[in-house]
Structure formats: C-alpha cells, structure tokens
N, C-alpha and C. Protein backbone atom coordinates (compact mmCIF):
# COMPACT_ATOMS: atom_id res chain seq x y z
N MET A 1 13.79 -11.12 -5.37
CA MET A 1 14.55 -10.13 -4.38
C MET A 1 13.74 -10.01 -2.97
N ILE A 2 14.40 -10.09 -1.69
CA ILE A 2 13.95 -10.54 -0.46
C ILE A 2 13.80 -8.79 0.19
N ALA A 3 12.85 -8.27 0.53
CA ALA A 3 12.69 -7.20 1.27
C ALA A 3 12.72 -7.20 2.71
N ILE A 4 13.63 -6.63 3.24
CA ILE A 4 14.03 -6.66 4.58
C ILE A 4 13.25 -5.26 5.06
N ILE A 5 12.30 -5.47 5.74
CA ILE A 5 11.43 -4.31 6.21
C ILE A 5 12.16 -3.35 7.56
N ASP A 6 12.49 -2.08 7.15
CA ASP A 6 13.31 -1.17 8.07
C ASP A 6 12.12 -0.47 8.65
N TYR A 7 12.07 -0.48 9.77
CA TYR A 7 11.01 0.58 10.47
C TYR A 7 11.63 0.89 11.84
N GLY A 8 12.85 1.02 12.00
CA GLY A 8 13.82 1.49 13.09
C GLY A 8 13.89 0.83 14.41
N VAL A 9 13.70 -0.43 14.15
CA VAL A 9 13.92 -1.38 15.34
C VAL A 9 14.72 -2.69 14.86
N GLY A 10 15.22 -2.92 14.03
CA GLY A 10 15.95 -4.17 13.50
C GLY A 10 17.43 -4.05 13.67
N ASN A 11 18.14 -4.98 14.16
CA ASN A 11 19.62 -4.90 13.89
C ASN A 11 19.86 -5.84 12.50
N LEU A 12 19.87 -4.82 11.19
CA LEU A 12 19.87 -5.46 9.83
C LEU A 12 21.11 -6.05 9.46
N PHE A 13 22.10 -5.61 10.14
CA PHE A 13 23.57 -5.70 9.39
C PHE A 13 23.60 -7.33 9.12
N SER A 14 23.71 -8.08 10.38
CA SER A 14 23.86 -9.63 10.47
C SER A 14 22.82 -10.11 9.38
N LEU A 15 21.79 -9.95 9.50
CA LEU A 15 20.77 -10.53 8.55
C LEU A 15 21.04 -10.04 7.28
N THR A 16 21.24 -8.97 7.08
CA THR A 16 21.58 -8.83 5.39
C THR A 16 23.11 -9.41 5.18
N ALA A 17 23.81 -9.47 6.01
CA ALA A 17 25.06 -10.10 5.45
C ALA A 17 24.99 -11.54 5.26
N SER A 18 24.06 -12.06 6.01
CA SER A 18 23.83 -13.39 6.26
C SER A 18 23.27 -13.95 4.69
N LEU A 19 22.32 -13.18 4.19
CA LEU A 19 21.53 -13.32 3.11
C LEU A 19 22.53 -13.24 1.65
N LYS A 20 23.50 -12.19 1.97
CA LYS A 20 24.18 -11.87 0.59
C LYS A 20 25.11 -13.03 0.52
N TYR A 21 25.65 -13.67 1.91
CA TYR A 21 26.59 -14.77 1.75
C TYR A 21 25.86 -15.90 1.09
N LEU A 22 24.61 -15.95 1.03
CA LEU A 22 23.94 -16.99 0.38
C LEU A 22 23.62 -16.51 -1.09
N GLY A 23 23.94 -15.64 -1.36
CA GLY A 23 23.71 -15.39 -2.80
C GLY A 23 22.59 -14.54 -2.86
N ALA A 24 21.52 -14.35 -2.04
CA ALA A 24 20.24 -13.41 -2.08
C ALA A 24 20.51 -12.18 -2.70
N GLU A 25 19.67 -11.84 -3.30
CA GLU A 25 19.39 -10.18 -3.73
C GLU A 25 18.39 -9.71 -2.49
N THR A 26 18.97 -8.74 -1.91
CA THR A 26 18.03 -8.13 -0.61
C THR A 26 18.14 -6.57 -0.97
N LYS A 27 17.08 -6.06 -0.29
CA LYS A 27 16.64 -4.74 -0.16
C LYS A 27 16.25 -4.12 1.23
N VAL A 28 16.92 -3.42 1.69
CA VAL A 28 16.48 -2.98 3.44
C VAL A 28 15.56 -1.70 3.11
N THR A 29 14.41 -1.85 3.15
CA THR A 29 13.53 -0.82 2.81
C THR A 29 12.36 -0.48 3.77
N GLY A 30 11.74 0.86 3.88
CA GLY A 30 10.79 1.10 4.54
C GLY A 30 9.50 1.31 3.41
N ASP A 31 9.92 1.32 1.91
CA ASP A 31 9.16 1.95 0.94
C ASP A 31 8.00 0.61 0.80
N PRO A 32 6.57 1.09 0.79
CA PRO A 32 5.77 0.20 0.62
C PRO A 32 5.62 -0.25 -0.83
N ALA A 33 5.80 0.04 -1.87
CA ALA A 33 6.16 -0.24 -3.20
C ALA A 33 7.28 -1.20 -3.45
N GLU A 34 8.15 -0.95 -2.89
CA GLU A 34 9.25 -2.03 -2.76
C GLU A 34 9.16 -3.22 -2.36
N ILE A 35 8.32 -3.10 -0.91
CA ILE A 35 7.94 -4.45 -0.10
C ILE A 35 6.91 -5.18 -1.09
N GLU A 36 5.95 -4.63 -1.67
CA GLU A 36 5.04 -4.94 -2.48
C GLU A 36 5.70 -5.98 -3.76
N SER A 37 6.83 -5.27 -4.25
CA SER A 37 7.16 -5.70 -5.45
C SER A 37 8.17 -6.91 -5.37
N ALA A 38 8.85 -7.36 -4.05
CA ALA A 38 9.36 -8.25 -3.82
C ALA A 38 8.85 -9.68 -3.75
N ASP A 39 10.00 -10.41 -3.90
CA ASP A 39 9.43 -12.06 -4.14
C ASP A 39 9.16 -12.51 -2.75
N ARG A 40 9.76 -12.06 -1.71
CA ARG A 40 10.06 -12.60 -0.23
C ARG A 40 10.11 -11.42 0.52
N VAL A 41 9.62 -11.27 1.74
CA VAL A 41 9.43 -10.25 2.91
C VAL A 41 10.02 -10.65 4.09
N ILE A 42 11.02 -10.10 4.72
CA ILE A 42 11.49 -10.52 6.03
C ILE A 42 11.03 -9.40 6.95
N LEU A 43 10.34 -9.56 8.10
CA LEU A 43 10.19 -8.59 9.31
C LEU A 43 11.25 -8.94 10.48
N PRO A 44 12.37 -8.10 10.71
CA PRO A 44 13.31 -8.17 11.83
C PRO A 44 12.53 -7.46 12.80
N GLY A 45 13.27 -7.75 14.00
CA GLY A 45 12.93 -6.80 15.15
C GLY A 45 13.73 -7.07 16.47
N VAL A 46 14.16 -5.89 17.36
CA VAL A 46 14.47 -6.28 18.61
C VAL A 46 13.96 -5.18 19.31
N GLY A 47 13.92 -5.51 20.59
CA GLY A 47 13.11 -4.59 21.87
C GLY A 47 11.93 -4.87 22.23
N ALA A 48 11.14 -3.64 22.53
CA ALA A 48 9.81 -3.98 23.07
C ALA A 48 8.78 -3.80 22.07
N PHE A 49 8.00 -4.63 22.18
CA PHE A 49 6.63 -5.03 21.43
C PHE A 49 6.01 -3.64 21.13
N GLU A 50 5.56 -2.97 22.31
CA GLU A 50 4.77 -1.62 22.06
C GLU A 50 5.41 -0.72 21.17
N ASP A 51 6.42 -0.35 21.41
CA ASP A 51 7.39 0.37 20.54
C ASP A 51 7.64 -0.06 19.20
N ALA A 52 7.86 -1.26 18.85
CA ALA A 52 7.82 -1.68 17.44
C ALA A 52 6.54 -1.49 16.79
N ALA A 53 5.62 -1.93 17.48
CA ALA A 53 4.20 -2.18 16.62
C ALA A 53 3.70 -0.73 16.45
N GLY A 54 3.97 0.23 17.36
CA GLY A 54 4.11 1.66 17.12
C GLY A 54 4.68 2.47 16.18
N LYS A 55 6.20 1.76 15.95
CA LYS A 55 6.79 2.63 14.90
C LYS A 55 6.19 1.83 13.59
N LEU A 56 5.91 0.56 13.45
CA LEU A 56 5.60 -0.03 11.90
C LEU A 56 4.34 0.61 11.63
N GLN A 57 3.26 0.91 12.62
CA GLN A 57 1.93 1.62 12.26
C GLN A 57 2.08 2.82 11.75
N SER A 58 3.16 3.80 12.32
CA SER A 58 3.22 5.28 11.97
C SER A 58 3.85 5.18 10.88
N ALA A 59 4.67 4.41 10.60
CA ALA A 59 5.52 4.17 9.20
C ALA A 59 4.59 3.62 7.97
N GLY A 60 3.43 3.23 8.35
CA GLY A 60 2.55 2.80 7.23
C GLY A 60 2.59 1.49 6.74
N LEU A 61 3.19 0.68 7.60
CA LEU A 61 3.91 -0.50 7.00
C LEU A 61 2.84 -1.56 7.50
N ALA A 62 2.33 -1.53 8.83
CA ALA A 62 1.41 -2.40 9.42
C ALA A 62 0.22 -3.41 8.31
N ASP A 63 -0.04 -2.25 7.71
CA ASP A 63 -1.22 -2.65 6.73
C ASP A 63 -0.41 -3.67 5.76
N VAL A 64 0.97 -3.01 5.10
CA VAL A 64 1.57 -3.67 4.02
C VAL A 64 1.79 -5.25 4.31
N VAL A 65 2.24 -5.36 5.60
CA VAL A 65 2.83 -6.76 6.13
C VAL A 65 1.67 -7.52 5.95
N LYS A 66 0.69 -7.16 6.57
CA LYS A 66 -0.56 -7.88 6.48
C LYS A 66 -1.27 -8.36 5.49
N SER A 67 -1.09 -7.24 4.32
CA SER A 67 -1.62 -7.63 3.22
C SER A 67 -0.72 -8.52 2.05
N GLN A 68 0.67 -8.62 2.32
CA GLN A 68 1.47 -9.20 1.75
C GLN A 68 1.38 -10.71 2.37
N GLY A 69 1.14 -10.80 3.44
CA GLY A 69 1.04 -12.34 4.24
C GLY A 69 -0.19 -12.74 3.73
N LYS A 70 -1.26 -11.78 3.86
CA LYS A 70 -2.40 -12.63 3.12
C LYS A 70 -2.30 -12.87 1.74
N ALA A 71 -1.86 -12.12 1.10
CA ALA A 71 -1.54 -12.64 -0.59
C ALA A 71 -0.69 -13.80 -0.84
N GLY A 72 -0.13 -14.51 -0.08
CA GLY A 72 0.38 -15.45 -0.20
C GLY A 72 1.91 -15.57 -0.35
N LYS A 73 2.45 -14.46 -0.25
CA LYS A 73 4.00 -14.41 -0.35
C LYS A 73 4.80 -14.78 0.88
N PRO A 74 5.88 -15.52 0.51
CA PRO A 74 6.66 -15.94 1.87
C PRO A 74 7.20 -14.68 2.69
N LEU A 75 6.50 -14.94 3.79
CA LEU A 75 6.79 -13.82 4.95
C LEU A 75 7.54 -14.53 6.09
N LEU A 76 8.72 -13.87 6.46
CA LEU A 76 9.40 -14.46 8.14
C LEU A 76 9.49 -13.32 9.07
N GLY A 77 9.07 -13.48 9.97
CA GLY A 77 9.12 -12.71 10.96
C GLY A 77 10.44 -13.12 12.03
N ILE A 78 11.10 -12.27 12.26
CA ILE A 78 12.59 -13.03 13.26
C ILE A 78 12.51 -12.08 14.63
N CYS A 79 12.45 -12.95 15.65
CA CYS A 79 12.72 -12.62 16.94
C CYS A 79 11.14 -11.42 17.35
N LEU A 80 11.33 -10.43 17.92
CA LEU A 80 10.09 -9.58 17.70
C LEU A 80 9.50 -9.71 16.84
N GLY A 81 10.23 -9.56 15.42
CA GLY A 81 9.27 -9.50 14.05
C GLY A 81 8.41 -10.66 14.37
N MET A 82 8.59 -12.05 14.71
CA MET A 82 7.88 -12.91 14.97
C MET A 82 6.60 -12.71 15.88
N GLN A 83 7.02 -12.15 17.01
CA GLN A 83 5.87 -11.73 18.02
C GLN A 83 5.07 -10.73 17.55
N LEU A 84 5.49 -9.80 16.58
CA LEU A 84 4.61 -8.87 15.89
C LEU A 84 3.38 -9.65 15.11
N LEU A 85 3.79 -10.77 14.71
CA LEU A 85 2.67 -11.12 13.76
C LEU A 85 1.37 -12.06 14.57
N PHE A 86 1.57 -12.21 15.72
CA PHE A 86 0.72 -12.59 16.61
C PHE A 86 -0.35 -11.66 17.00
N GLU A 87 -1.67 -12.24 17.50
CA GLU A 87 -2.48 -11.46 17.65
C GLU A 87 -2.46 -10.38 18.54
N GLU A 88 -1.83 -10.51 19.86
CA GLU A 88 -1.78 -9.76 20.63
C GLU A 88 -0.44 -10.17 21.80
N SER A 89 0.11 -9.26 22.46
CA SER A 89 1.15 -9.19 23.32
C SER A 89 0.76 -8.92 24.76
N PHE A 90 1.06 -9.54 25.72
CA PHE A 90 1.04 -8.81 27.09
C PHE A 90 2.35 -8.43 27.69
N GLU A 91 3.22 -7.91 26.91
CA GLU A 91 4.52 -7.40 27.30
C GLU A 91 4.24 -5.99 28.01
N TYR A 92 4.32 -6.06 29.20
CA TYR A 92 3.70 -4.65 29.96
C TYR A 92 2.74 -3.81 29.46
N GLY A 93 1.50 -4.65 29.66
CA GLY A 93 0.42 -4.28 29.61
C GLY A 93 -0.23 -5.20 28.21
N ARG A 94 -1.17 -4.70 27.53
CA ARG A 94 -1.57 -5.59 26.21
C ARG A 94 -1.78 -4.47 24.90
N HIS A 95 -0.94 -5.39 24.10
CA HIS A 95 -0.97 -4.36 22.75
C HIS A 95 -1.19 -5.23 21.65
N GLU A 96 -2.19 -4.75 20.68
CA GLU A 96 -2.66 -5.42 19.40
C GLU A 96 -1.34 -5.87 18.39
N GLY A 97 -1.36 -6.94 18.04
CA GLY A 97 -0.38 -7.72 16.79
C GLY A 97 -1.36 -7.46 15.65
N LEU A 98 -0.48 -8.04 14.69
CA LEU A 98 -0.89 -7.92 13.28
C LEU A 98 -1.89 -9.02 12.88
N GLY A 99 -2.05 -10.21 13.96
CA GLY A 99 -2.98 -11.23 13.69
C GLY A 99 -2.78 -12.02 12.58
N LEU A 100 -1.66 -12.16 12.10
CA LEU A 100 -1.23 -13.37 11.09
C LEU A 100 -1.19 -14.67 11.78
N ILE A 101 -0.81 -14.60 12.93
CA ILE A 101 -0.42 -16.16 13.77
C ILE A 101 -1.27 -16.01 14.84
N LYS A 102 -2.37 -16.88 15.32
CA LYS A 102 -3.18 -16.99 16.29
C LYS A 102 -2.28 -17.04 17.65
N GLY A 103 -3.03 -16.44 18.48
CA GLY A 103 -1.82 -16.85 20.04
C GLY A 103 -1.38 -15.66 20.68
N THR A 104 -1.10 -15.71 21.44
CA THR A 104 -0.38 -14.23 22.35
C THR A 104 1.00 -14.30 22.74
N ILE A 105 1.65 -13.33 23.02
CA ILE A 105 3.08 -13.22 23.44
C ILE A 105 2.92 -12.96 25.05
N ALA A 106 3.65 -13.93 25.60
CA ALA A 106 3.38 -14.04 27.14
C ALA A 106 5.23 -14.10 27.73
N SER A 107 5.29 -13.39 29.03
CA SER A 107 6.02 -13.35 29.73
C SER A 107 6.79 -15.03 30.11
N ILE A 108 8.12 -15.35 29.59
CA ILE A 108 8.66 -16.38 30.05
C ILE A 108 8.99 -16.55 31.85
N GLU A 109 9.33 -15.27 32.31
CA GLU A 109 9.45 -15.47 33.81
C GLU A 109 8.31 -15.66 34.41
N GLU A 110 7.23 -14.97 34.22
CA GLU A 110 5.88 -15.43 34.88
C GLU A 110 5.72 -16.84 34.39
N ASP A 111 5.77 -17.32 33.67
CA ASP A 111 5.45 -18.94 33.25
C ASP A 111 6.35 -19.76 33.82
N LEU A 112 7.45 -19.32 33.80
CA LEU A 112 8.55 -20.06 34.75
C LEU A 112 8.15 -20.23 36.18
N ALA A 113 7.50 -18.97 36.77
CA ALA A 113 7.17 -19.02 38.19
C ALA A 113 6.19 -19.80 38.14
N ALA A 114 5.26 -19.77 37.30
CA ALA A 114 3.98 -20.43 37.64
C ALA A 114 4.25 -21.95 37.50
N ALA A 115 5.10 -22.31 36.75
CA ALA A 115 5.48 -23.66 36.50
C ALA A 115 6.39 -24.24 37.75
N GLY A 116 6.65 -23.39 38.76
CA GLY A 116 7.56 -23.72 39.80
C GLY A 116 9.07 -24.06 39.37
N VAL A 117 9.55 -23.40 38.64
CA VAL A 117 11.05 -23.67 37.59
C VAL A 117 11.94 -22.53 38.33
N GLU A 118 13.11 -22.85 38.93
CA GLU A 118 13.93 -21.76 39.49
C GLU A 118 15.22 -22.17 39.00
N GLY A 119 15.96 -20.85 39.01
CA GLY A 119 17.46 -20.75 38.58
C GLY A 119 17.92 -20.57 37.21
N LEU A 120 16.78 -20.50 36.47
CA LEU A 120 16.69 -20.19 34.91
C LEU A 120 16.71 -18.45 34.92
N LYS A 121 17.98 -17.70 34.03
CA LYS A 121 17.77 -16.38 34.06
C LYS A 121 16.71 -15.96 32.79
N VAL A 122 16.23 -14.91 33.09
CA VAL A 122 15.45 -14.12 31.93
C VAL A 122 15.86 -12.62 32.01
N PRO A 123 16.29 -12.15 30.59
CA PRO A 123 16.08 -12.83 29.32
C PRO A 123 16.67 -14.32 29.10
N HIS A 124 16.24 -14.67 28.41
CA HIS A 124 16.75 -16.42 27.90
C HIS A 124 17.59 -16.01 26.70
N ILE A 125 18.82 -16.18 26.92
CA ILE A 125 19.90 -15.73 26.15
C ILE A 125 20.93 -17.10 25.91
N GLY A 126 20.93 -17.50 24.70
CA GLY A 126 21.96 -18.62 24.35
C GLY A 126 21.32 -19.54 23.66
N TRP A 127 22.09 -20.66 23.22
CA TRP A 127 21.89 -21.68 22.43
C TRP A 127 20.97 -22.77 23.14
N ASN A 128 20.01 -23.22 22.27
CA ASN A 128 19.08 -24.28 22.76
C ASN A 128 18.97 -25.39 21.41
N SER A 129 18.63 -26.52 21.58
CA SER A 129 18.36 -27.46 20.82
C SER A 129 17.03 -27.28 20.45
N LEU A 130 16.80 -27.55 19.04
CA LEU A 130 15.49 -27.39 18.09
C LEU A 130 14.71 -28.44 17.88
N ALA A 131 13.43 -28.62 18.19
CA ALA A 131 12.83 -29.93 18.03
C ALA A 131 11.82 -29.50 17.22
N PHE A 132 11.52 -30.19 15.73
CA PHE A 132 10.60 -29.48 14.63
C PHE A 132 10.00 -30.44 14.03
N SER A 133 9.02 -30.01 13.32
CA SER A 133 8.03 -30.76 12.92
C SER A 133 8.51 -31.57 11.42
N GLU A 134 8.67 -32.58 11.24
CA GLU A 134 8.91 -33.11 9.91
C GLU A 134 8.43 -32.72 8.68
N GLY A 135 8.95 -32.38 7.51
CA GLY A 135 8.34 -32.14 6.47
C GLY A 135 8.00 -30.57 6.42
N GLU A 136 8.53 -29.76 7.24
CA GLU A 136 8.41 -28.31 7.05
C GLU A 136 9.35 -27.78 6.15
N PRO A 137 8.99 -27.22 5.06
CA PRO A 137 10.07 -26.71 4.12
C PRO A 137 11.18 -25.91 4.98
N LEU A 138 10.77 -25.36 5.87
CA LEU A 138 11.49 -23.93 6.64
C LEU A 138 13.12 -24.91 7.04
N PHE A 139 12.79 -26.09 7.40
CA PHE A 139 13.69 -27.01 7.94
C PHE A 139 14.36 -28.23 7.14
N LYS A 140 14.02 -28.09 6.04
CA LYS A 140 14.55 -29.41 5.21
C LYS A 140 15.99 -29.59 5.13
N TYR A 141 16.81 -28.57 5.51
CA TYR A 141 18.25 -28.65 5.74
C TYR A 141 18.72 -28.93 7.03
N LEU A 142 17.88 -29.11 7.97
CA LEU A 142 18.22 -29.33 9.34
C LEU A 142 17.97 -30.64 9.59
N LYS A 143 18.93 -31.11 11.05
CA LYS A 143 18.47 -32.31 11.47
C LYS A 143 17.95 -32.06 12.96
N GLN A 144 17.27 -32.83 13.51
CA GLN A 144 16.51 -32.88 14.79
C GLN A 144 17.46 -32.44 15.91
N GLY A 145 17.29 -31.64 16.42
CA GLY A 145 18.11 -31.20 17.64
C GLY A 145 19.66 -30.24 17.61
N GLU A 146 19.61 -29.77 16.23
CA GLU A 146 20.65 -28.75 16.03
C GLU A 146 20.45 -27.55 16.83
N TYR A 147 21.11 -26.66 17.03
CA TYR A 147 21.22 -25.71 17.78
C TYR A 147 21.11 -24.35 17.28
N VAL A 148 20.34 -23.50 17.99
CA VAL A 148 20.01 -21.79 17.47
C VAL A 148 19.86 -21.21 18.57
N TYR A 149 20.17 -19.74 18.07
CA TYR A 149 20.57 -18.97 19.12
C TYR A 149 19.34 -17.88 19.56
N TYR A 150 18.91 -17.78 20.68
CA TYR A 150 17.73 -16.96 21.09
C TYR A 150 18.20 -15.63 21.99
N VAL A 151 17.52 -14.58 22.21
CA VAL A 151 17.70 -13.84 23.03
C VAL A 151 16.47 -13.06 23.23
N HIS A 152 15.51 -13.46 24.20
CA HIS A 152 14.32 -12.65 24.64
C HIS A 152 13.55 -13.02 25.68
N SER A 153 12.78 -12.13 26.35
CA SER A 153 11.92 -12.51 27.76
C SER A 153 10.55 -12.73 27.61
N PHE A 154 10.06 -12.71 26.44
CA PHE A 154 8.72 -12.96 25.98
C PHE A 154 8.80 -14.10 24.99
N TYR A 155 7.41 -14.63 24.76
CA TYR A 155 7.63 -16.07 23.80
C TYR A 155 5.85 -16.22 23.37
N GLY A 156 5.91 -16.97 22.16
CA GLY A 156 4.65 -17.10 22.03
C GLY A 156 3.83 -18.21 22.67
N LYS A 157 2.61 -18.07 22.88
CA LYS A 157 1.96 -18.95 23.78
C LYS A 157 0.36 -19.26 23.05
N ASP A 158 -0.25 -20.26 23.60
CA ASP A 158 -1.51 -20.37 22.84
C ASP A 158 -1.65 -20.30 21.48
N CYS A 159 -0.59 -21.20 20.72
CA CYS A 159 -0.28 -21.12 19.35
C CYS A 159 0.16 -22.32 18.86
N GLU A 160 -0.39 -23.34 19.62
CA GLU A 160 -0.05 -24.96 19.13
C GLU A 160 -0.46 -25.38 17.84
N GLU A 161 -1.61 -24.61 17.05
CA GLU A 161 -1.77 -25.01 15.69
C GLU A 161 -0.64 -24.75 14.94
N SER A 162 -0.34 -23.54 15.04
CA SER A 162 0.84 -22.72 14.24
C SER A 162 1.98 -23.12 14.45
N THR A 163 2.56 -23.89 15.65
CA THR A 163 3.83 -24.01 16.23
C THR A 163 4.56 -25.07 15.49
N ILE A 164 5.60 -25.20 14.88
CA ILE A 164 6.20 -26.01 13.92
C ILE A 164 7.83 -26.22 14.67
N ALA A 165 8.38 -25.67 15.60
CA ALA A 165 9.50 -25.92 16.21
C ALA A 165 9.52 -25.27 17.74
N SER A 166 10.12 -26.15 18.60
CA SER A 166 10.13 -25.57 20.12
C SER A 166 11.61 -25.83 20.70
N SER A 167 11.90 -25.41 21.69
CA SER A 167 13.06 -25.60 22.94
C SER A 167 12.63 -25.50 23.83
N GLN A 168 13.33 -26.28 24.77
CA GLN A 168 12.81 -26.34 26.32
C GLN A 168 13.93 -25.34 26.82
N TYR A 169 13.37 -24.52 27.86
CA TYR A 169 14.05 -23.60 28.88
C TYR A 169 13.29 -23.71 30.00
N GLY A 170 13.11 -24.63 30.88
CA GLY A 170 12.43 -25.26 31.89
C GLY A 170 10.87 -25.15 31.38
N ILE A 171 10.56 -24.64 30.64
CA ILE A 171 9.25 -24.70 29.79
C ILE A 171 9.22 -24.81 28.36
N LYS A 172 8.18 -25.22 27.82
CA LYS A 172 8.28 -25.40 26.30
C LYS A 172 8.51 -23.98 25.52
N ILE A 173 9.29 -23.45 25.17
CA ILE A 173 9.45 -22.13 24.22
C ILE A 173 9.13 -22.36 22.70
N THR A 174 8.28 -21.75 22.40
CA THR A 174 7.93 -21.57 21.07
C THR A 174 9.15 -21.30 20.20
N GLY A 175 9.73 -22.01 19.42
CA GLY A 175 10.82 -21.71 18.49
C GLY A 175 10.44 -21.09 17.03
N ALA A 176 9.53 -21.75 16.33
CA ALA A 176 9.10 -21.06 15.24
C ALA A 176 7.43 -21.33 14.97
N VAL A 177 6.72 -20.85 14.44
CA VAL A 177 5.43 -20.89 13.91
C VAL A 177 5.29 -20.83 12.32
N ARG A 178 4.20 -21.25 11.68
CA ARG A 178 3.70 -20.94 10.39
C ARG A 178 2.40 -20.95 10.43
N ASN A 179 1.84 -20.14 9.58
CA ASN A 179 0.43 -20.32 9.06
C ASN A 179 0.39 -20.00 7.72
N GLY A 180 0.31 -20.89 6.81
CA GLY A 180 0.35 -20.86 5.35
C GLY A 180 1.69 -20.56 5.00
N ASN A 181 1.83 -19.29 4.20
CA ASN A 181 3.01 -18.71 3.88
C ASN A 181 3.83 -17.97 4.81
N VAL A 182 3.36 -17.62 5.89
CA VAL A 182 3.77 -16.69 7.23
C VAL A 182 4.15 -17.47 7.91
N TYR A 183 5.87 -17.49 8.19
CA TYR A 183 6.50 -17.97 8.93
C TYR A 183 6.95 -16.99 10.20
N GLY A 184 7.37 -17.54 11.45
CA GLY A 184 8.38 -16.62 12.35
C GLY A 184 9.17 -17.76 13.09
N THR A 185 10.50 -16.84 13.30
CA THR A 185 11.10 -17.76 14.35
C THR A 185 11.48 -16.88 15.68
N GLN A 186 11.40 -17.47 16.69
CA GLN A 186 11.99 -16.85 17.83
C GLN A 186 13.32 -16.47 18.13
N PHE A 187 14.14 -17.32 17.17
CA PHE A 187 15.49 -17.51 17.58
C PHE A 187 16.14 -16.52 16.28
N HIS A 188 17.24 -16.33 16.43
CA HIS A 188 17.84 -15.52 15.36
C HIS A 188 18.83 -16.48 14.47
N PRO A 189 17.90 -16.71 13.18
CA PRO A 189 18.69 -17.50 12.43
C PRO A 189 20.35 -16.90 11.79
N GLU A 190 19.98 -15.51 11.85
CA GLU A 190 21.32 -15.01 11.44
C GLU A 190 22.52 -14.97 12.38
N LYS A 191 22.16 -15.27 13.48
CA LYS A 191 23.14 -15.53 14.55
C LYS A 191 23.37 -17.27 14.92
N SER A 192 22.61 -17.98 13.96
CA SER A 192 22.60 -19.29 14.65
C SER A 192 23.83 -20.13 13.75
N GLY A 193 24.71 -19.33 13.18
CA GLY A 193 25.71 -20.32 12.39
C GLY A 193 25.39 -21.14 11.27
N GLU A 194 25.90 -22.27 10.92
CA GLU A 194 25.37 -22.84 9.88
C GLU A 194 24.03 -23.31 9.68
N THR A 195 23.21 -23.56 11.08
CA THR A 195 22.13 -23.99 11.24
C THR A 195 21.05 -22.82 10.68
N GLY A 196 21.41 -21.60 11.08
CA GLY A 196 20.70 -20.58 10.94
C GLY A 196 20.66 -20.36 9.48
N LEU A 197 21.76 -20.36 8.85
CA LEU A 197 22.37 -20.47 7.14
C LEU A 197 21.35 -21.07 6.45
N ASN A 198 21.42 -22.14 6.72
CA ASN A 198 20.35 -23.37 6.43
C ASN A 198 18.89 -23.14 6.49
N ILE A 199 18.53 -22.35 7.30
CA ILE A 199 17.32 -21.86 7.67
C ILE A 199 16.95 -21.06 6.57
N LEU A 200 17.72 -20.04 6.46
CA LEU A 200 17.77 -18.45 5.48
C LEU A 200 17.51 -19.28 4.14
N ARG A 201 18.34 -20.43 3.81
CA ARG A 201 18.72 -20.94 2.71
C ARG A 201 17.46 -21.47 2.09
N ALA A 202 16.56 -22.30 2.98
CA ALA A 202 15.16 -22.86 2.83
C ALA A 202 14.39 -21.72 2.25
N PHE A 203 14.30 -20.53 3.19
CA PHE A 203 13.27 -19.68 3.05
C PHE A 203 13.53 -18.89 1.57
N MET A 204 14.72 -18.74 1.04
CA MET A 204 14.96 -18.36 -0.16
C MET A 204 14.42 -19.38 -1.24
N GLU A 205 14.30 -20.25 -0.82
CA GLU A 205 13.67 -21.44 -2.01
C GLU A 205 12.14 -21.68 -1.98
N LEU A 206 11.31 -20.80 -0.90
CA LEU A 206 9.93 -21.20 -0.59
C LEU A 206 9.35 -20.85 -1.77
C-alpha cells in the first residue's frame, strides 16, 4: 500500500487517480500509524514552503516522514513535497526543512538575474525535457529527453551529490533528487502524461 500524506497542502486527486490507474493500492492519510504501516510513502505539496512546513509540523507528521525515510522505506516527495525534504529553504525568509536531502531551496528569479538571463517568466510553468542519470531505478522506463511538467518558482540548489535529473530553463533546474531510498521530483509525475505514469510505475516497484 502507498500512503499519500494529507496535511492540507496537496492537490491529491490527480496523484491518487494516476496511481489507481496503474493498479496501486493507495491511502490518502494523515494518520501516523497508517503511514508507518504502508509499503511506500508519497509526500505531495503545492504552495509556500513556510506554510507547508508548519502544517506538516503541527499535524505531527514531520517526524513521521523523517523516521520513514531513515528507516529505508521508499519515499517520494513531489514538487513542494520534494523541497520539504531539503535542509532549508530561502523562500521569503529562511525556513528549516526535513533534512533528508542535503541542499537548499532557492529562487529561480534571483538566480536567473544573477546569471544574466532575461525574458523567462517565473513561475516556471510548462513542459521541459529531462536529462537523468543512467541506471536510476526511478527512470528505468524512460528515455533521455522525455518531457515532464513543472510549476514552481523555487528549486533545489547545492545538491549535486543527490541530483539524479535536471532540466534547462535559462539555468540548470534540479528535476529530481535521491538520497538512498528517499526520492524527490520537482516536476509533477501525475501531470506528465505517459512519462509521469512510467515514473510512478517505477516507484511502485522500488
């Protein structure tokens, strides 16, 4: 069973529908016991880092996510859920993350400006080709350059040792990360068509 963590900031319908289409048994839950008994865990999320981190903490689920990740259970963070896995975020201030992935969450707009890149809109919304590390289990059904769907204004940075996929948007955007059994995708697999379904299928097989 895959536990999809519900802490009030996720768009859960499309993710649940995608997993059910693939034949997965899923449970949308905020119950620590159900999360701990699951075979796999997904941490979704949309919105602002500070708000999401606060809600995860107040729901008593931050420690649950950390313990499940450290216990060796396959864990996947999606979009803001991926960002929460990092050590800290600089989205309108400095905010502490779960610390399961080394690195920080930084502003795309600021880094585009620092790189002298003009004319690209932020938020970064749309389809981008994905370059990924060969041999990564999460991408075993993919070919290099397949397109995935992004919606975000901040991204993972200083995380080279964990980065397993990236896309170009004026600068190199971290597309996916992994630390052992803990995975994160900045893009939305559940909104990325057949490519996204293949990523979720691979996660089901971890």
